[in-house]
PDB file of N, CA and C in Angstrom:
ATOM      1  N   UNK A   1      60.231 -16.948  46.873  1.00  0.00           N
ATOM      2  CA  UNK A   1      60.318 -18.238  47.212  1.00  0.00           C
ATOM      3  C   UNK A   1      59.335 -19.281  46.997  1.00  0.00           C
ATOM      4  N   UNK A   2      58.155 -19.055  46.398  1.00  0.00           N
ATOM      5  CA  UNK A   2      57.197 -20.135  46.208  1.00  0.00           C
ATOM      6  C   UNK A   2      57.505 -20.969  44.978  1.00  0.00           C
ATOM      7  N   UNK A   3      56.912 -22.111  44.902  1.00  0.00           N
ATOM      8  CA  UNK A   3      57.087 -23.017  43.776  1.00  0.00           C
ATOM      9  C   UNK A   3      56.159 -22.618  42.645  1.00  0.00           C
ATOM     10  N   UNK A   4      56.673 -22.584  41.429  1.00  0.00           N
ATOM     11  CA  UNK A   4      55.857 -22.233  40.262  1.00  0.00           C
ATOM     12  C   UNK A   4      54.971 -23.413  39.879  1.00  0.00           C
ATOM     13  N   UNK A   5      53.729 -23.097  39.545  1.00  0.00           N
ATOM     14  CA  UNK A   5      52.782 -24.114  39.101  1.00  0.00           C
ATOM     15  C   UNK A   5      52.236 -23.681  37.754  1.00  0.00           C
ATOM     16  N   UNK A   6      52.298 -24.565  36.786  1.00  0.00           N
ATOM     17  CA  UNK A   6      51.784 -24.250  35.457  1.00  0.00           C
ATOM     18  C   UNK A   6      50.316 -24.663  35.369  1.00  0.00           C
ATOM     19  N   UNK A   7      49.485 -23.749  34.879  1.00  0.00           N
ATOM     20  CA  UNK A   7      48.064 -24.045  34.718  1.00  0.00           C
ATOM     21  C   UNK A   7      47.642 -23.709  33.293  1.00  0.00           C
ATOM     22  N   UNK A   8      46.609 -24.378  32.836  1.00  0.00           N
ATOM     23  CA  UNK A   8      46.083 -24.120  31.502  1.00  0.00           C
ATOM     24  C   UNK A   8      45.126 -22.932  31.563  1.00  0.00           C
ATOM     25  N   UNK A   9      45.305 -21.999  30.657  1.00  0.00           N
ATOM     26  CA  UNK A   9      44.410 -20.841  30.576  1.00  0.00           C
ATOM     27  C   UNK A   9      43.375 -21.086  29.482  1.00  0.00           C
ATOM     28  N   UNK A  10      42.183 -20.544  29.688  1.00  0.00           N
ATOM     29  CA  UNK A  10      41.128 -20.664  28.681  1.00  0.00           C
ATOM     30  C   UNK A  10      40.601 -19.277  28.349  1.00  0.00           C
ATOM     31  N   UNK A  11      40.096 -19.131  27.157  1.00  0.00           N
ATOM     32  CA  UNK A  11      39.459 -17.885  26.727  1.00  0.00           C
ATOM     33  C   UNK A  11      37.998 -17.949  27.174  1.00  0.00           C
ATOM     34  N   UNK A  12      37.693 -17.256  28.251  1.00  0.00           N
ATOM     35  CA  UNK A  12      36.351 -17.328  28.841  1.00  0.00           C
ATOM     36  C   UNK A  12      35.298 -16.837  27.855  1.00  0.00           C
ATOM     37  N   UNK A  13      35.568 -15.751  27.151  1.00  0.00           N
ATOM     38  CA  UNK A  13      34.597 -15.218  26.183  1.00  0.00           C
ATOM     39  C   UNK A  13      34.293 -16.256  25.106  1.00  0.00           C
ATOM     40  N   UNK A  14      35.316 -16.928  24.616  1.00  0.00           N
ATOM     41  CA  UNK A  14      35.085 -17.952  23.582  1.00  0.00           C
ATOM     42  C   UNK A  14      34.246 -19.098  24.133  1.00  0.00           C
ATOM     43  N   UNK A  15      34.543 -19.528  25.355  1.00  0.00           N
ATOM     44  CA  UNK A  15      33.765 -20.595  25.974  1.00  0.00           C
ATOM     45  C   UNK A  15      32.294 -20.204  26.099  1.00  0.00           C
ATOM     46  N   UNK A  16      32.041 -18.944  26.502  1.00  0.00           N
ATOM     47  CA  UNK A  16      30.663 -18.476  26.672  1.00  0.00           C
ATOM     48  C   UNK A  16      29.938 -18.345  25.337  1.00  0.00           C
ATOM     49  N   UNK A  17      30.675 -18.052  24.277  1.00  0.00           N
ATOM     50  CA  UNK A  17      30.054 -17.969  22.944  1.00  0.00           C
ATOM     51  C   UNK A  17      29.683 -19.343  22.404  1.00  0.00           C
ATOM     52  N   UNK A  18      30.445 -20.363  22.776  1.00  0.00           N
ATOM     53  CA  UNK A  18      30.279 -21.697  22.202  1.00  0.00           C
ATOM     54  C   UNK A  18      29.105 -22.469  22.771  1.00  0.00           C
ATOM     55  N   UNK A  19      28.677 -22.162  23.984  1.00  0.00           N
ATOM     56  CA  UNK A  19      27.548 -22.898  24.567  1.00  0.00           C
ATOM     57  C   UNK A  19      26.890 -22.096  25.672  1.00  0.00           C
ATOM     58  N   UNK A  20      25.697 -22.530  26.045  1.00  0.00           N
ATOM     59  CA  UNK A  20      24.946 -21.876  27.123  1.00  0.00           C
ATOM     60  C   UNK A  20      25.345 -22.498  28.466  1.00  0.00           C
ATOM     61  N   UNK A  21      25.236 -21.698  29.517  1.00  0.00           N
ATOM     62  CA  UNK A  21      25.536 -22.159  30.867  1.00  0.00           C
ATOM     63  C   UNK A  21      24.403 -21.733  31.791  1.00  0.00           C
ATOM     64  N   UNK A  22      23.953 -22.647  32.637  1.00  0.00           N
ATOM     65  CA  UNK A  22      22.960 -22.311  33.656  1.00  0.00           C
ATOM     66  C   UNK A  22      23.569 -21.368  34.690  1.00  0.00           C
ATOM     67  N   UNK A  23      24.822 -21.636  35.068  1.00  0.00           N
ATOM     68  CA  UNK A  23      25.463 -20.895  36.153  1.00  0.00           C
ATOM     69  C   UNK A  23      26.934 -20.670  35.831  1.00  0.00           C
ATOM     70  N   UNK A  24      27.392 -19.442  36.014  1.00  0.00           N
ATOM     71  CA  UNK A  24      28.809 -19.103  35.860  1.00  0.00           C
ATOM     72  C   UNK A  24      29.284 -18.474  37.161  1.00  0.00           C
ATOM     73  N   UNK A  25      30.407 -18.967  37.673  1.00  0.00           N
ATOM     74  CA  UNK A  25      31.025 -18.397  38.873  1.00  0.00           C
ATOM     75  C   UNK A  25      32.362 -17.794  38.466  1.00  0.00           C
ATOM     76  N   UNK A  26      32.558 -16.521  38.798  1.00  0.00           N
ATOM     77  CA  UNK A  26      33.797 -15.832  38.468  1.00  0.00           C
ATOM     78  C   UNK A  26      34.450 -15.364  39.766  1.00  0.00           C
ATOM     79  N   UNK A  27      35.493 -16.059  40.166  1.00  0.00           N
ATOM     80  CA  UNK A  27      36.243 -15.739  41.383  1.00  0.00           C
ATOM     81  C   UNK A  27      37.713 -15.736  40.992  1.00  0.00           C
ATOM     82  N   UNK A  28      38.192 -14.590  40.498  1.00  0.00           N
ATOM     83  CA  UNK A  28      39.533 -14.532  39.912  1.00  0.00           C
ATOM     84  C   UNK A  28      40.383 -13.421  40.529  1.00  0.00           C
ATOM     85  N   UNK A  29      40.147 -13.160  41.814  1.00  0.00           N
ATOM     86  CA  UNK A  29      41.015 -12.330  42.650  1.00  0.00           C
ATOM     87  C   UNK A  29      41.454 -11.007  42.028  1.00  0.00           C
ATOM     88  N   UNK A  30      40.496 -10.207  41.593  1.00  0.00           N
ATOM     89  CA  UNK A  30      40.791  -8.871  41.088  1.00  0.00           C
ATOM     90  C   UNK A  30      40.805  -8.768  39.577  1.00  0.00           C
ATOM     91  N   UNK A  31      40.943  -9.881  38.875  1.00  0.00           N
ATOM     92  CA  UNK A  31      40.967  -9.854  37.404  1.00  0.00           C
ATOM     93  C   UNK A  31      39.566  -9.742  36.810  1.00  0.00           C
ATOM     94  N   UNK A  32      38.532  -9.830  37.657  1.00  0.00           N
ATOM     95  CA  UNK A  32      37.159  -9.749  37.143  1.00  0.00           C
ATOM     96  C   UNK A  32      36.886  -8.410  36.458  1.00  0.00           C
ATOM     97  N   UNK A  33      37.572  -7.358  36.869  1.00  0.00           N
ATOM     98  CA  UNK A  33      37.338  -6.046  36.254  1.00  0.00           C
ATOM     99  C   UNK A  33      37.894  -5.975  34.836  1.00  0.00           C
ATOM    100  N   UNK A  34      38.717  -6.919  34.444  1.00  0.00           N
ATOM    101  CA  UNK A  34      39.221  -7.021  33.073  1.00  0.00           C
ATOM    102  C   UNK A  34      38.473  -8.094  32.292  1.00  0.00           C
ATOM    103  N   UNK A  35      38.297  -9.256  32.913  1.00  0.00           N
ATOM    104  CA  UNK A  35      37.715 -10.412  32.216  1.00  0.00           C
ATOM    105  C   UNK A  35      36.228 -10.221  31.937  1.00  0.00           C
ATOM    106  N   UNK A  36      35.449  -9.779  32.919  1.00  0.00           N
ATOM    107  CA  UNK A  36      34.001  -9.666  32.712  1.00  0.00           C
ATOM    108  C   UNK A  36      33.635  -8.691  31.595  1.00  0.00           C
ATOM    109  N   UNK A  37      34.221  -7.494  31.526  1.00  0.00           N
ATOM    110  CA  UNK A  37      33.897  -6.613  30.398  1.00  0.00           C
ATOM    111  C   UNK A  37      34.242  -7.230  29.039  1.00  0.00           C
ATOM    112  N   UNK A  38      35.273  -8.052  28.984  1.00  0.00           N
ATOM    113  CA  UNK A  38      35.630  -8.720  27.728  1.00  0.00           C
ATOM    114  C   UNK A  38      34.605  -9.777  27.342  1.00  0.00           C
ATOM    115  N   UNK A  39      33.797 -10.216  28.302  1.00  0.00           N
ATOM    116  CA  UNK A  39      32.774 -11.235  28.056  1.00  0.00           C
ATOM    117  C   UNK A  39      31.383 -10.639  27.898  1.00  0.00           C
ATOM    118  N   UNK A  40      31.247  -9.346  28.045  1.00  0.00           N
ATOM    119  CA  UNK A  40      29.940  -8.697  28.097  1.00  0.00           C
ATOM    120  C   UNK A  40      28.967  -9.110  27.023  1.00  0.00           C
ATOM    121  N   UNK A  41      29.413  -9.154  25.784  1.00  0.00           N
ATOM    122  CA  UNK A  41      28.504  -9.504  24.686  1.00  0.00           C
ATOM    123  C   UNK A  41      28.299 -11.005  24.574  1.00  0.00           C
ATOM    124  N   UNK A  42      28.975 -11.776  25.395  1.00  0.00           N
ATOM    125  CA  UNK A  42      28.887 -13.242  25.323  1.00  0.00           C
ATOM    126  C   UNK A  42      28.028 -13.833  26.438  1.00  0.00           C
ATOM    127  N   UNK A  43      27.362 -13.001  27.215  1.00  0.00           N
ATOM    128  CA  UNK A  43      26.636 -13.480  28.392  1.00  0.00           C
ATOM    129  C   UNK A  43      25.188 -13.872  28.112  1.00  0.00           C
ATOM    130  N   UNK A  44      24.750 -13.788  26.868  1.00  0.00           N
ATOM    131  CA  UNK A  44      23.349 -14.094  26.546  1.00  0.00           C
ATOM    132  C   UNK A  44      22.935 -15.505  26.939  1.00  0.00           C
ATOM    133  N   UNK A  45      23.854 -16.463  26.888  1.00  0.00           N
ATOM    134  CA  UNK A  45      23.532 -17.851  27.194  1.00  0.00           C
ATOM    135  C   UNK A  45      23.713 -18.221  28.652  1.00  0.00           C
ATOM    136  N   UNK A  46      23.925 -17.223  29.516  1.00  0.00           N
ATOM    137  CA  UNK A  46      24.122 -17.470  30.950  1.00  0.00           C
ATOM    138  C   UNK A  46      22.846 -17.093  31.693  1.00  0.00           C
ATOM    139  N   UNK A  47      22.344 -18.014  32.513  1.00  0.00           N
ATOM    140  CA  UNK A  47      21.109 -17.742  33.260  1.00  0.00           C
ATOM    141  C   UNK A  47      21.385 -17.093  34.616  1.00  0.00           C
ATOM    142  N   UNK A  48      22.358 -17.629  35.335  1.00  0.00           N
ATOM    143  CA  UNK A  48      22.754 -17.097  36.641  1.00  0.00           C
ATOM    144  C   UNK A  48      24.258 -16.848  36.622  1.00  0.00           C
ATOM    145  N   UNK A  49      24.695 -15.778  37.285  1.00  0.00           N
ATOM    146  CA  UNK A  49      26.125 -15.488  37.364  1.00  0.00           C
ATOM    147  C   UNK A  49      26.461 -15.027  38.775  1.00  0.00           C
ATOM    148  N   UNK A  50      27.611 -15.469  39.245  1.00  0.00           N
ATOM    149  CA  UNK A  50      28.142 -15.044  40.537  1.00  0.00           C
ATOM    150  C   UNK A  50      29.528 -14.473  40.281  1.00  0.00           C
ATOM    151  N   UNK A  51      29.757 -13.247  40.729  1.00  0.00           N
ATOM    152  CA  UNK A  51      31.061 -12.606  40.578  1.00  0.00           C
ATOM    153  C   UNK A  51      31.542 -12.193  41.960  1.00  0.00           C
ATOM    154  N   UNK A  52      32.742 -12.632  42.320  1.00  0.00           N
ATOM    155  CA  UNK A  52      33.354 -12.176  43.560  1.00  0.00           C
ATOM    156  C   UNK A  52      34.216 -10.975  43.194  1.00  0.00           C
ATOM    157  N   UNK A  53      33.758  -9.791  43.587  1.00  0.00           N
ATOM    158  CA  UNK A  53      34.443  -8.544  43.243  1.00  0.00           C
ATOM    159  C   UNK A  53      35.462  -8.196  44.311  1.00  0.00           C
ATOM    160  N   UNK A  54      36.680  -7.873  43.865  1.00  0.00           N
ATOM    161  CA  UNK A  54      37.757  -7.464  44.766  1.00  0.00           C
ATOM    162  C   UNK A  54      38.204  -6.064  44.393  1.00  0.00           C
ATOM    163  N   UNK A  55      38.358  -5.206  45.378  1.00  0.00           N
ATOM    164  CA  UNK A  55      38.841  -3.848  45.166  1.00  0.00           C
ATOM    165  C   UNK A  55      40.287  -3.763  45.647  1.00  0.00           C
ATOM    166  N   UNK A  56      41.256  -3.716  44.714  1.00  0.00           N
ATOM    167  CA  UNK A  56      42.662  -3.671  45.118  1.00  0.00           C
ATOM    168  C   UNK A  56      43.014  -2.347  45.800  1.00  0.00           C
ATOM    169  N   UNK A  57      43.761  -2.433  46.881  1.00  0.00           N
ATOM    170  CA  UNK A  57      44.224  -1.247  47.603  1.00  0.00           C
ATOM    171  C   UNK A  57      45.091  -0.403  46.665  1.00  0.00           C
ATOM    172  N   UNK A  58      44.835   0.910  46.662  1.00  0.00           N
ATOM    173  CA  UNK A  58      45.672   1.822  45.902  1.00  0.00           C
ATOM    174  C   UNK A  58      45.343   1.935  44.428  1.00  0.00           C
ATOM    175  N   UNK A  59      44.331   1.216  43.960  1.00  0.00           N
ATOM    176  CA  UNK A  59      43.909   1.326  42.562  1.00  0.00           C
ATOM    177  C   UNK A  59      42.468   1.804  42.514  1.00  0.00           C
ATOM    178  N   UNK A  60      42.114   2.406  41.400  1.00  0.00           N
ATOM    179  CA  UNK A  60      40.744   2.892  41.226  1.00  0.00           C
ATOM    180  C   UNK A  60      39.758   1.727  41.298  1.00  0.00           C
ATOM    181  N   UNK A  61      38.674   1.932  42.025  1.00  0.00           N
ATOM    182  CA  UNK A  61      37.627   0.908  42.081  1.00  0.00           C
ATOM    183  C   UNK A  61      36.890   0.872  40.752  1.00  0.00           C
ATOM    184  N   UNK A  62      36.615  -0.339  40.253  1.00  0.00           N
ATOM    185  CA  UNK A  62      35.929  -0.497  38.969  1.00  0.00           C
ATOM    186  C   UNK A  62      34.624  -1.277  39.116  1.00  0.00           C
ATOM    187  N   UNK A  63      33.978  -1.137  40.248  1.00  0.00           N
ATOM    188  CA  UNK A  63      32.690  -1.791  40.463  1.00  0.00           C
ATOM    189  C   UNK A  63      31.676  -1.330  39.428  1.00  0.00           C
ATOM    190  N   UNK A  64      31.759  -0.067  39.020  1.00  0.00           N
ATOM    191  CA  UNK A  64      30.833   0.470  38.019  1.00  0.00           C
ATOM    192  C   UNK A  64      30.896  -0.316  36.713  1.00  0.00           C
ATOM    193  N   UNK A  65      32.083  -0.714  36.291  1.00  0.00           N
ATOM    194  CA  UNK A  65      32.232  -1.493  35.050  1.00  0.00           C
ATOM    195  C   UNK A  65      31.537  -2.842  35.162  1.00  0.00           C
ATOM    196  N   UNK A  66      31.726  -3.495  36.302  1.00  0.00           N
ATOM    197  CA  UNK A  66      31.131  -4.813  36.521  1.00  0.00           C
ATOM    198  C   UNK A  66      29.608  -4.709  36.471  1.00  0.00           C
ATOM    199  N   UNK A  67      29.052  -3.753  37.208  1.00  0.00           N
ATOM    200  CA  UNK A  67      27.594  -3.606  37.262  1.00  0.00           C
ATOM    201  C   UNK A  67      27.017  -3.194  35.913  1.00  0.00           C
ATOM    202  N   UNK A  68      27.716  -2.353  35.174  1.00  0.00           N
ATOM    203  CA  UNK A  68      27.241  -1.942  33.847  1.00  0.00           C
ATOM    204  C   UNK A  68      27.211  -3.119  32.888  1.00  0.00           C
ATOM    205  N   UNK A  69      28.255  -3.932  32.899  1.00  0.00           N
ATOM    206  CA  UNK A  69      28.288  -5.117  32.025  1.00  0.00           C
ATOM    207  C   UNK A  69      27.112  -6.030  32.337  1.00  0.00           C
ATOM    208  N   UNK A  70      26.871  -6.282  33.612  1.00  0.00           N
ATOM    209  CA  UNK A  70      25.777  -7.177  33.997  1.00  0.00           C
ATOM    210  C   UNK A  70      24.417  -6.585  33.631  1.00  0.00           C
ATOM    211  N   UNK A  71      24.215  -5.302  33.893  1.00  0.00           N
ATOM    212  CA  UNK A  71      22.940  -4.654  33.548  1.00  0.00           C
ATOM    213  C   UNK A  71      22.724  -4.654  32.038  1.00  0.00           C
ATOM    214  N   UNK A  72      23.760  -4.326  31.277  1.00  0.00           N
ATOM    215  CA  UNK A  72      23.638  -4.308  29.818  1.00  0.00           C
ATOM    216  C   UNK A  72      23.359  -5.694  29.250  1.00  0.00           C
ATOM    217  N   UNK A  73      23.790  -6.740  29.969  1.00  0.00           N
ATOM    218  CA  UNK A  73      23.534  -8.113  29.529  1.00  0.00           C
ATOM    219  C   UNK A  73      22.160  -8.606  29.976  1.00  0.00           C
ATOM    220  N   UNK A  74      21.411  -7.768  30.718  1.00  0.00           N
ATOM    221  CA  UNK A  74      20.050  -8.128  31.103  1.00  0.00           C
ATOM    222  C   UNK A  74      19.907  -8.784  32.460  1.00  0.00           C
ATOM    223  N   UNK A  75      20.922  -8.687  33.299  1.00  0.00           N
ATOM    224  CA  UNK A  75      20.849  -9.295  34.630  1.00  0.00           C
ATOM    225  C   UNK A  75      20.303  -8.318  35.665  1.00  0.00           C
ATOM    226  N   UNK A  76      19.524  -8.838  36.609  1.00  0.00           N
ATOM    227  CA  UNK A  76      19.209  -8.152  37.863  1.00  0.00           C
ATOM    228  C   UNK A  76      20.313  -8.563  38.817  1.00  0.00           C
ATOM    229  N   UNK A  77      20.680  -7.691  39.758  1.00  0.00           N
ATOM    230  CA  UNK A  77      21.779  -8.044  40.650  1.00  0.00           C
ATOM    231  C   UNK A  77      21.439  -7.782  42.109  1.00  0.00           C
ATOM    232  N   UNK A  78      22.110  -8.526  42.950  1.00  0.00           N
ATOM    233  CA  UNK A  78      22.067  -8.322  44.392  1.00  0.00           C
ATOM    234  C   UNK A  78      23.512  -8.341  44.874  1.00  0.00           C
ATOM    235  N   UNK A  79      23.842  -7.415  45.786  1.00  0.00           N
ATOM    236  CA  UNK A  79      25.204  -7.300  46.297  1.00  0.00           C
ATOM    237  C   UNK A  79      25.252  -7.746  47.747  1.00  0.00           C
ATOM    238  N   UNK A  80      26.297  -8.486  48.079  1.00  0.00           N
ATOM    239  CA  UNK A  80      26.513  -8.930  49.451  1.00  0.00           C
ATOM    240  C   UNK A  80      27.917  -8.494  49.865  1.00  0.00           C
ATOM    241  N   UNK A  81      27.996  -7.684  50.905  1.00  0.00           N
ATOM    242  CA  UNK A  81      29.281  -7.205  51.398  1.00  0.00           C
ATOM    243  C   UNK A  81      29.963  -8.316  52.190  1.00  0.00           C
ATOM    244  N   UNK A  82      31.153  -8.688  51.778  1.00  0.00           N
ATOM    245  CA  UNK A  82      31.882  -9.757  52.453  1.00  0.00           C
ATOM    246  C   UNK A  82      32.894  -9.195  53.439  1.00  0.00           C
ATOM    247  N   UNK A  83      33.611  -8.159  53.031  1.00  0.00           N
ATOM    248  CA  UNK A  83      34.640  -7.617  53.924  1.00  0.00           C
ATOM    249  C   UNK A  83      34.772  -6.117  53.749  1.00  0.00           C
ATOM    250  N   UNK A  84      34.268  -5.412  54.704  1.00  0.00           N
ATOM    251  CA  UNK A  84      34.533  -3.978  54.788  1.00  0.00           C
ATOM    252  C   UNK A  84      34.271  -3.580  56.232  1.00  0.00           C
ATOM    253  N   UNK A  85      34.909  -2.526  56.681  1.00  0.00           N
ATOM    254  CA  UNK A  85      34.744  -2.129  58.084  1.00  0.00           C
ATOM    255  C   UNK A  85      33.352  -1.572  58.359  1.00  0.00           C
ATOM    256  N   UNK A  86      32.956  -1.621  59.612  1.00  0.00           N
ATOM    257  CA  UNK A  86      31.663  -1.062  60.018  1.00  0.00           C
ATOM    258  C   UNK A  86      31.610   0.430  59.774  1.00  0.00           C
ATOM    259  N   UNK A  87      32.727   1.103  60.002  1.00  0.00           N
ATOM    260  CA  UNK A  87      32.799   2.557  59.847  1.00  0.00           C
ATOM    261  C   UNK A  87      33.952   2.906  58.906  1.00  0.00           C
ATOM    262  N   UNK A  88      33.738   2.818  57.589  1.00  0.00           N
ATOM    263  CA  UNK A  88      34.840   3.056  56.656  1.00  0.00           C
ATOM    264  C   UNK A  88      35.439   4.454  56.748  1.00  0.00           C
ATOM    265  N   UNK A  89      34.682   5.429  57.236  1.00  0.00           N
ATOM    266  CA  UNK A  89      35.229   6.777  57.369  1.00  0.00           C
ATOM    267  C   UNK A  89      36.320   6.839  58.440  1.00  0.00           C
ATOM    268  N   UNK A  90      36.305   5.874  59.353  1.00  0.00           N
ATOM    269  CA  UNK A  90      37.285   5.858  60.440  1.00  0.00           C
ATOM    270  C   UNK A  90      38.515   5.030  60.101  1.00  0.00           C
ATOM    271  N   UNK A  91      38.529   4.430  58.945  1.00  0.00           N
ATOM    272  CA  UNK A  91      39.680   3.625  58.531  1.00  0.00           C
ATOM    273  C   UNK A  91      39.226   2.361  57.839  1.00  0.00           C
ATOM    274  N   UNK A  92      39.932   2.052  56.786  1.00  0.00           N
ATOM    275  CA  UNK A  92      39.610   0.856  56.009  1.00  0.00           C
ATOM    276  C   UNK A  92      40.789  -0.088  56.106  1.00  0.00           C
ATOM    277  N   UNK A  93      40.527  -1.290  56.545  1.00  0.00           N
ATOM    278  CA  UNK A  93      41.582  -2.295  56.609  1.00  0.00           C
ATOM    279  C   UNK A  93      41.743  -2.974  55.262  1.00  0.00           C
ATOM    280  N   UNK A  94      42.669  -3.888  55.206  1.00  0.00           N
ATOM    281  CA  UNK A  94      42.847  -4.636  53.974  1.00  0.00           C
ATOM    282  C   UNK A  94      43.135  -6.091  54.293  1.00  0.00           C
ATOM    283  N   UNK A  95      42.737  -6.938  53.364  1.00  0.00           N
ATOM    284  CA  UNK A  95      43.010  -8.365  53.462  1.00  0.00           C
ATOM    285  C   UNK A  95      43.531  -8.820  52.113  1.00  0.00           C
ATOM    286  N   UNK A  96      44.726  -9.355  52.095  1.00  0.00           N
ATOM    287  CA  UNK A  96      45.285  -9.896  50.866  1.00  0.00           C
ATOM    288  C   UNK A  96      45.451  -8.871  49.760  1.00  0.00           C
ATOM    289  N   UNK A  97      45.637  -7.601  50.115  1.00  0.00           N
ATOM    290  CA  UNK A  97      45.815  -6.563  49.113  1.00  0.00           C
ATOM    291  C   UNK A  97      44.522  -5.934  48.623  1.00  0.00           C
ATOM    292  N   UNK A  98      43.395  -6.318  49.228  1.00  0.00           N
ATOM    293  CA  UNK A  98      42.090  -5.779  48.842  1.00  0.00           C
ATOM    294  C   UNK A  98      41.460  -5.059  50.031  1.00  0.00           C
ATOM    295  N   UNK A  99      40.753  -3.950  49.750  1.00  0.00           N
ATOM    296  CA  UNK A  99      40.085  -3.231  50.835  1.00  0.00           C
ATOM    297  C   UNK A  99      38.568  -3.400  50.807  1.00  0.00           C
ATOM    298  N   UNK A 100      38.076  -4.158  49.839  1.00  0.00           N
ATOM    299  CA  UNK A 100      36.641  -4.427  49.746  1.00  0.00           C
ATOM    300  C   UNK A 100      36.436  -5.702  48.951  1.00  0.00           C
ATOM    301  N   UNK A 101      35.528  -6.526  49.425  1.00  0.00           N
ATOM    302  CA  UNK A 101      35.124  -7.710  48.666  1.00  0.00           C
ATOM    303  C   UNK A 101      33.605  -7.787  48.689  1.00  0.00           C
ATOM    304  N   UNK A 102      33.020  -7.930  47.520  1.00  0.00           N
ATOM    305  CA  UNK A 102      31.573  -8.062  47.380  1.00  0.00           C
ATOM    306  C   UNK A 102      31.242  -9.333  46.623  1.00  0.00           C
ATOM    307  N   UNK A 103      30.183  -9.992  47.031  1.00  0.00           N
ATOM    308  CA  UNK A 103      29.608 -11.064  46.232  1.00  0.00           C
ATOM    309  C   UNK A 103      28.496 -10.446  45.399  1.00  0.00           C
ATOM    310  N   UNK A 104      28.563 -10.649  44.096  1.00  0.00           N
ATOM    311  CA  UNK A 104      27.555 -10.109  43.183  1.00  0.00           C
ATOM    312  C   UNK A 104      26.796 -11.280  42.583  1.00  0.00           C
ATOM    313  N   UNK A 105      25.497 -11.307  42.827  1.00  0.00           N
ATOM    314  CA  UNK A 105      24.631 -12.361  42.309  1.00  0.00           C
ATOM    315  C   UNK A 105      23.814 -11.775  41.165  1.00  0.00           C
ATOM    316  N   UNK A 106      23.831 -12.412  40.012  1.00  0.00           N
ATOM    317  CA  UNK A 106      23.060 -11.932  38.870  1.00  0.00           C
ATOM    318  C   UNK A 106      22.128 -13.013  38.353  1.00  0.00           C
ATOM    319  N   UNK A 107      20.920 -12.614  37.958  1.00  0.00           N
ATOM    320  CA  UNK A 107      19.944 -13.563  37.413  1.00  0.00           C
ATOM    321  C   UNK A 107      19.082 -12.849  36.389  1.00  0.00           C
ATOM    322  N   UNK A 108      18.460 -13.648  35.585  1.00  0.00           N
ATOM    323  CA  UNK A 108      17.540 -13.116  34.573  1.00  0.00           C
ATOM    324  C   UNK A 108      16.110 -13.322  35.049  1.00  0.00           C
ATOM    325  N   UNK A 109      15.270 -12.304  34.848  1.00  0.00           N
ATOM    326  CA  UNK A 109      13.855 -12.421  35.245  1.00  0.00           C
ATOM    327  C   UNK A 109      13.053 -13.050  34.133  1.00  0.00           C
TER     328      UNK A 109
END
């Protein structure tokens, strides 16, 4: 039942190849595990990056891919846990189809 909205899509890797960016924010609700690896070799012109990582319920977690791409591109990272239970061994809840959300901050030294 929702109303369809048409939006323009852009090739993020091409945009990153064409110019340098001081700061890139990637908040794409679970698609970061596909989009960021496709941009890996294009991150040289990015000084700071923020990635909101979402772990979809019932699918393999791909945090390793995200961190490897950032490390291989020369970023130092800091992780901030946004939503996870205090005691995950006792049960993990979900919000919006995700069971974990992390803020990933990347910078170059």
